Amino acid sequence: MVKIRLTRMGAVKKPFYRIVVADSRSPREGKYVENLGTYDPRTEPSTVVLNEDKALEWLRKGAQPTDAVRKLLKIKGVWQRYEEGKAGT
């Protein structure tokens, strides 16, 4: 299965995360299929940079987001667009 998840980057005690599409069997910092954006929890407010069209495309293809990524998608409004498209079909 393909998942949309976070992969940790940055230095010790200074993390930021990439939002990536990866095979569910690959390790957290392993290979990924596509980079969708970044998430920096250390800024105030937290910074989320996301390619919304690519994220929506992967959701439509059947990629499953993790709980943390689902929250970020809801913040950016992508999850609502996905649900509306799914209900309209």
N, C-alpha and C. Protein backbone atom coordinates (compact mmCIF):
# COMPACT_ATOMS: atom_id res chain seq x y z
N MET A 1 0.84 -1.18 0.00
CA MET A 1 0.00 0.00 0.00
C MET A 1 0.89 1.25 0.00
N VAL A 2 0.42 2.28 -0.63
CA VAL A 2 1.13 3.56 -0.67
C VAL A 2 0.56 4.48 0.40
N LYS A 3 1.44 5.12 1.15
CA LYS A 3 1.01 6.01 2.23
C LYS A 3 1.57 7.41 2.00
N ILE A 4 0.83 8.39 2.49
CA ILE A 4 1.32 9.76 2.55
C ILE A 4 1.72 9.96 4.01
N ARG A 5 3.00 10.21 4.24
CA ARG A 5 3.49 10.28 5.62
C ARG A 5 4.60 11.30 5.76
N LEU A 6 5.05 11.49 7.00
CA LEU A 6 6.12 12.42 7.31
C LEU A 6 7.45 11.68 7.37
N THR A 7 8.50 12.28 6.86
CA THR A 7 9.85 11.77 7.03
C THR A 7 10.67 12.85 7.71
N ARG A 8 11.42 12.48 8.73
CA ARG A 8 12.12 13.45 9.57
C ARG A 8 13.41 13.91 8.89
N MET A 9 13.64 15.20 8.94
CA MET A 9 14.86 15.82 8.42
C MET A 9 15.38 16.77 9.50
N GLY A 10 16.50 17.41 9.24
CA GLY A 10 17.01 18.41 10.17
C GLY A 10 18.05 17.85 11.12
N ALA A 11 18.50 18.69 12.03
CA ALA A 11 19.55 18.34 12.97
C ALA A 11 18.96 17.78 14.26
N VAL A 12 19.85 17.39 15.16
CA VAL A 12 19.42 16.89 16.46
C VAL A 12 18.67 17.99 17.20
N LYS A 13 17.49 17.67 17.70
CA LYS A 13 16.61 18.58 18.43
C LYS A 13 16.13 19.78 17.61
N LYS A 14 16.29 19.73 16.29
CA LYS A 14 15.80 20.79 15.40
C LYS A 14 15.12 20.14 14.19
N PRO A 15 14.07 19.37 14.43
CA PRO A 15 13.48 18.63 13.32
C PRO A 15 12.57 19.48 12.44
N PHE A 16 12.52 19.10 11.19
CA PHE A 16 11.43 19.51 10.31
C PHE A 16 11.12 18.28 9.48
N TYR A 17 9.99 18.27 8.84
CA TYR A 17 9.52 17.05 8.19
C TYR A 17 9.17 17.31 6.74
N ARG A 18 9.41 16.30 5.90
CA ARG A 18 8.92 16.32 4.53
C ARG A 18 7.65 15.50 4.49
N ILE A 19 6.70 15.96 3.72
CA ILE A 19 5.47 15.20 3.49
C ILE A 19 5.70 14.44 2.19
N VAL A 20 5.76 13.10 2.28
CA VAL A 20 6.13 12.29 1.13
C VAL A 20 5.11 11.19 0.89
N VAL A 21 5.13 10.68 -0.34
CA VAL A 21 4.37 9.49 -0.70
C VAL A 21 5.38 8.36 -0.75
N ALA A 22 5.14 7.30 0.05
CA ALA A 22 6.09 6.20 0.13
C ALA A 22 5.35 4.87 0.27
N ASP A 23 6.03 3.80 -0.10
CA ASP A 23 5.51 2.46 0.14
C ASP A 23 5.45 2.23 1.64
N SER A 24 4.40 1.61 2.12
CA SER A 24 4.22 1.44 3.56
C SER A 24 5.29 0.54 4.18
N ARG A 25 5.97 -0.26 3.38
CA ARG A 25 6.99 -1.16 3.91
C ARG A 25 8.36 -0.51 4.00
N SER A 26 8.56 0.64 3.38
CA SER A 26 9.87 1.29 3.41
C SER A 26 10.07 1.99 4.75
N PRO A 27 11.33 2.12 5.21
CA PRO A 27 11.59 2.78 6.50
C PRO A 27 11.25 4.27 6.47
N ARG A 28 11.14 4.87 7.64
CA ARG A 28 10.71 6.27 7.76
C ARG A 28 11.59 7.21 6.95
N GLU A 29 12.90 7.04 7.03
CA GLU A 29 13.81 7.90 6.26
C GLU A 29 14.28 7.23 4.98
N GLY A 30 13.56 6.21 4.52
CA GLY A 30 13.96 5.47 3.33
C GLY A 30 13.50 6.12 2.05
N LYS A 31 13.48 5.31 0.99
CA LYS A 31 13.09 5.80 -0.32
C LYS A 31 11.63 6.22 -0.32
N TYR A 32 11.33 7.21 -1.14
CA TYR A 32 9.95 7.64 -1.30
C TYR A 32 9.66 7.86 -2.77
N VAL A 33 8.38 7.88 -3.10
CA VAL A 33 7.95 8.00 -4.49
C VAL A 33 7.96 9.46 -4.92
N GLU A 34 7.38 10.33 -4.07
CA GLU A 34 7.29 11.75 -4.44
C GLU A 34 7.24 12.62 -3.19
N ASN A 35 7.87 13.78 -3.29
CA ASN A 35 7.87 14.76 -2.21
C ASN A 35 6.71 15.74 -2.45
N LEU A 36 5.81 15.86 -1.46
CA LEU A 36 4.65 16.74 -1.62
C LEU A 36 4.81 18.09 -0.94
N GLY A 37 5.73 18.19 0.04
CA GLY A 37 5.89 19.46 0.74
C GLY A 37 6.67 19.29 2.02
N THR A 38 6.59 20.31 2.88
CA THR A 38 7.31 20.29 4.15
C THR A 38 6.41 20.74 5.28
N TYR A 39 6.82 20.37 6.50
CA TYR A 39 6.11 20.75 7.72
C TYR A 39 7.16 21.12 8.76
N ASP A 40 7.10 22.33 9.30
CA ASP A 40 8.04 22.78 10.32
C ASP A 40 7.27 23.12 11.59
N PRO A 41 7.29 22.22 12.59
CA PRO A 41 6.54 22.47 13.82
C PRO A 41 7.21 23.46 14.76
N ARG A 42 8.44 23.85 14.49
CA ARG A 42 9.19 24.71 15.41
C ARG A 42 8.87 26.19 15.23
N THR A 43 8.27 26.57 14.13
CA THR A 43 7.91 27.98 13.93
C THR A 43 6.60 28.27 14.64
N GLU A 44 6.32 29.53 14.87
CA GLU A 44 5.07 29.92 15.53
C GLU A 44 4.30 30.85 14.62
N PRO A 45 3.20 30.51 14.01
CA PRO A 45 2.56 29.20 14.01
C PRO A 45 3.32 28.21 13.12
N SER A 46 3.02 26.94 13.23
CA SER A 46 3.69 25.90 12.45
C SER A 46 3.52 26.18 10.96
N THR A 47 4.58 25.90 10.20
CA THR A 47 4.59 26.16 8.77
C THR A 47 4.31 24.87 8.00
N VAL A 48 3.32 24.91 7.12
CA VAL A 48 3.01 23.78 6.26
C VAL A 48 3.05 24.28 4.83
N VAL A 49 3.98 23.73 4.03
CA VAL A 49 4.06 24.04 2.61
C VAL A 49 3.71 22.76 1.88
N LEU A 50 2.65 22.80 1.07
CA LEU A 50 2.13 21.58 0.47
C LEU A 50 1.70 21.84 -0.96
N ASN A 51 2.08 20.95 -1.86
CA ASN A 51 1.57 21.00 -3.22
C ASN A 51 0.20 20.32 -3.20
N GLU A 52 -0.83 21.12 -3.10
CA GLU A 52 -2.19 20.61 -2.87
C GLU A 52 -2.70 19.78 -4.03
N ASP A 53 -2.38 20.16 -5.26
CA ASP A 53 -2.86 19.40 -6.42
C ASP A 53 -2.27 17.99 -6.44
N LYS A 54 -0.97 17.88 -6.16
CA LYS A 54 -0.34 16.56 -6.13
C LYS A 54 -0.89 15.71 -4.99
N ALA A 55 -1.12 16.32 -3.83
CA ALA A 55 -1.67 15.59 -2.69
C ALA A 55 -3.06 15.06 -3.02
N LEU A 56 -3.88 15.89 -3.62
CA LEU A 56 -5.23 15.48 -4.01
C LEU A 56 -5.18 14.36 -5.05
N GLU A 57 -4.25 14.46 -5.99
CA GLU A 57 -4.08 13.43 -7.01
C GLU A 57 -3.73 12.07 -6.37
N TRP A 58 -2.81 12.10 -5.40
CA TRP A 58 -2.42 10.84 -4.74
C TRP A 58 -3.56 10.28 -3.89
N LEU A 59 -4.34 11.14 -3.25
CA LEU A 59 -5.48 10.66 -2.48
C LEU A 59 -6.50 9.98 -3.40
N ARG A 60 -6.72 10.55 -4.55
CA ARG A 60 -7.66 9.96 -5.52
C ARG A 60 -7.15 8.63 -6.05
N LYS A 61 -5.83 8.46 -6.12
CA LYS A 61 -5.25 7.20 -6.58
C LYS A 61 -5.31 6.12 -5.50
N GLY A 62 -5.65 6.50 -4.26
CA GLY A 62 -5.79 5.50 -3.21
C GLY A 62 -4.73 5.54 -2.14
N ALA A 63 -3.86 6.53 -2.13
CA ALA A 63 -2.84 6.64 -1.08
C ALA A 63 -3.51 6.95 0.25
N GLN A 64 -3.06 6.29 1.31
CA GLN A 64 -3.64 6.46 2.63
C GLN A 64 -2.77 7.38 3.47
N PRO A 65 -3.29 8.51 3.96
CA PRO A 65 -2.48 9.39 4.81
C PRO A 65 -2.42 8.86 6.24
N THR A 66 -1.30 9.12 6.91
CA THR A 66 -1.21 8.80 8.33
C THR A 66 -2.05 9.81 9.10
N ASP A 67 -2.25 9.57 10.39
CA ASP A 67 -3.08 10.46 11.20
C ASP A 67 -2.52 11.88 11.22
N ALA A 68 -1.19 12.01 11.38
CA ALA A 68 -0.57 13.34 11.43
C ALA A 68 -0.74 14.07 10.10
N VAL A 69 -0.55 13.36 9.01
CA VAL A 69 -0.69 13.99 7.69
C VAL A 69 -2.14 14.35 7.42
N ARG A 70 -3.08 13.51 7.87
CA ARG A 70 -4.50 13.83 7.69
C ARG A 70 -4.84 15.15 8.38
N LYS A 71 -4.29 15.39 9.57
CA LYS A 71 -4.53 16.66 10.26
C LYS A 71 -3.97 17.83 9.46
N LEU A 72 -2.77 17.65 8.88
CA LEU A 72 -2.19 18.72 8.07
C LEU A 72 -3.01 18.97 6.81
N LEU A 73 -3.52 17.91 6.20
CA LEU A 73 -4.38 18.05 5.02
C LEU A 73 -5.67 18.78 5.36
N LYS A 74 -6.21 18.53 6.55
CA LYS A 74 -7.42 19.24 6.97
C LYS A 74 -7.13 20.72 7.19
N ILE A 75 -5.96 21.04 7.75
CA ILE A 75 -5.58 22.44 7.97
C ILE A 75 -5.49 23.18 6.63
N LYS A 76 -4.92 22.53 5.63
CA LYS A 76 -4.74 23.17 4.33
C LYS A 76 -6.01 23.13 3.46
N GLY A 77 -7.03 22.36 3.88
CA GLY A 77 -8.27 22.28 3.12
C GLY A 77 -8.30 21.22 2.05
N VAL A 78 -7.25 20.44 1.92
CA VAL A 78 -7.18 19.41 0.88
C VAL A 78 -8.12 18.25 1.21
N TRP A 79 -8.21 17.89 2.48
CA TRP A 79 -9.05 16.77 2.88
C TRP A 79 -10.52 17.05 2.56
N GLN A 80 -10.97 18.29 2.78
CA GLN A 80 -12.36 18.65 2.47
C GLN A 80 -12.61 18.54 0.96
N ARG A 81 -11.66 19.00 0.15
CA ARG A 81 -11.81 18.89 -1.31
C ARG A 81 -11.88 17.43 -1.73
N TYR A 82 -11.08 16.59 -1.10
CA TYR A 82 -11.09 15.16 -1.41
C TYR A 82 -12.44 14.54 -1.04
N GLU A 83 -12.96 14.85 0.14
CA GLU A 83 -14.25 14.31 0.59
C GLU A 83 -15.39 14.77 -0.30
N GLU A 84 -15.36 16.04 -0.72
CA GLU A 84 -16.40 16.56 -1.61
C GLU A 84 -16.36 15.85 -2.96
N GLY A 85 -15.17 15.63 -3.47
CA GLY A 85 -15.03 14.93 -4.75
C GLY A 85 -15.49 13.48 -4.66
N LYS A 86 -15.23 12.87 -3.53
CA LYS A 86 -15.63 11.48 -3.32
C LYS A 86 -17.14 11.36 -3.18
N ALA A 87 -17.76 12.32 -2.51
CA ALA A 87 -19.22 12.31 -2.32
C ALA A 87 -19.94 12.61 -3.64
N GLY A 88 -19.32 13.40 -4.49
CA GLY A 88 -19.95 13.77 -5.76
C GLY A 88 -19.92 12.67 -6.79
N THR A 89 -19.14 11.64 -6.56
CA THR A 89 -19.03 10.56 -7.55
C THR A 89 -20.09 9.52 -7.38
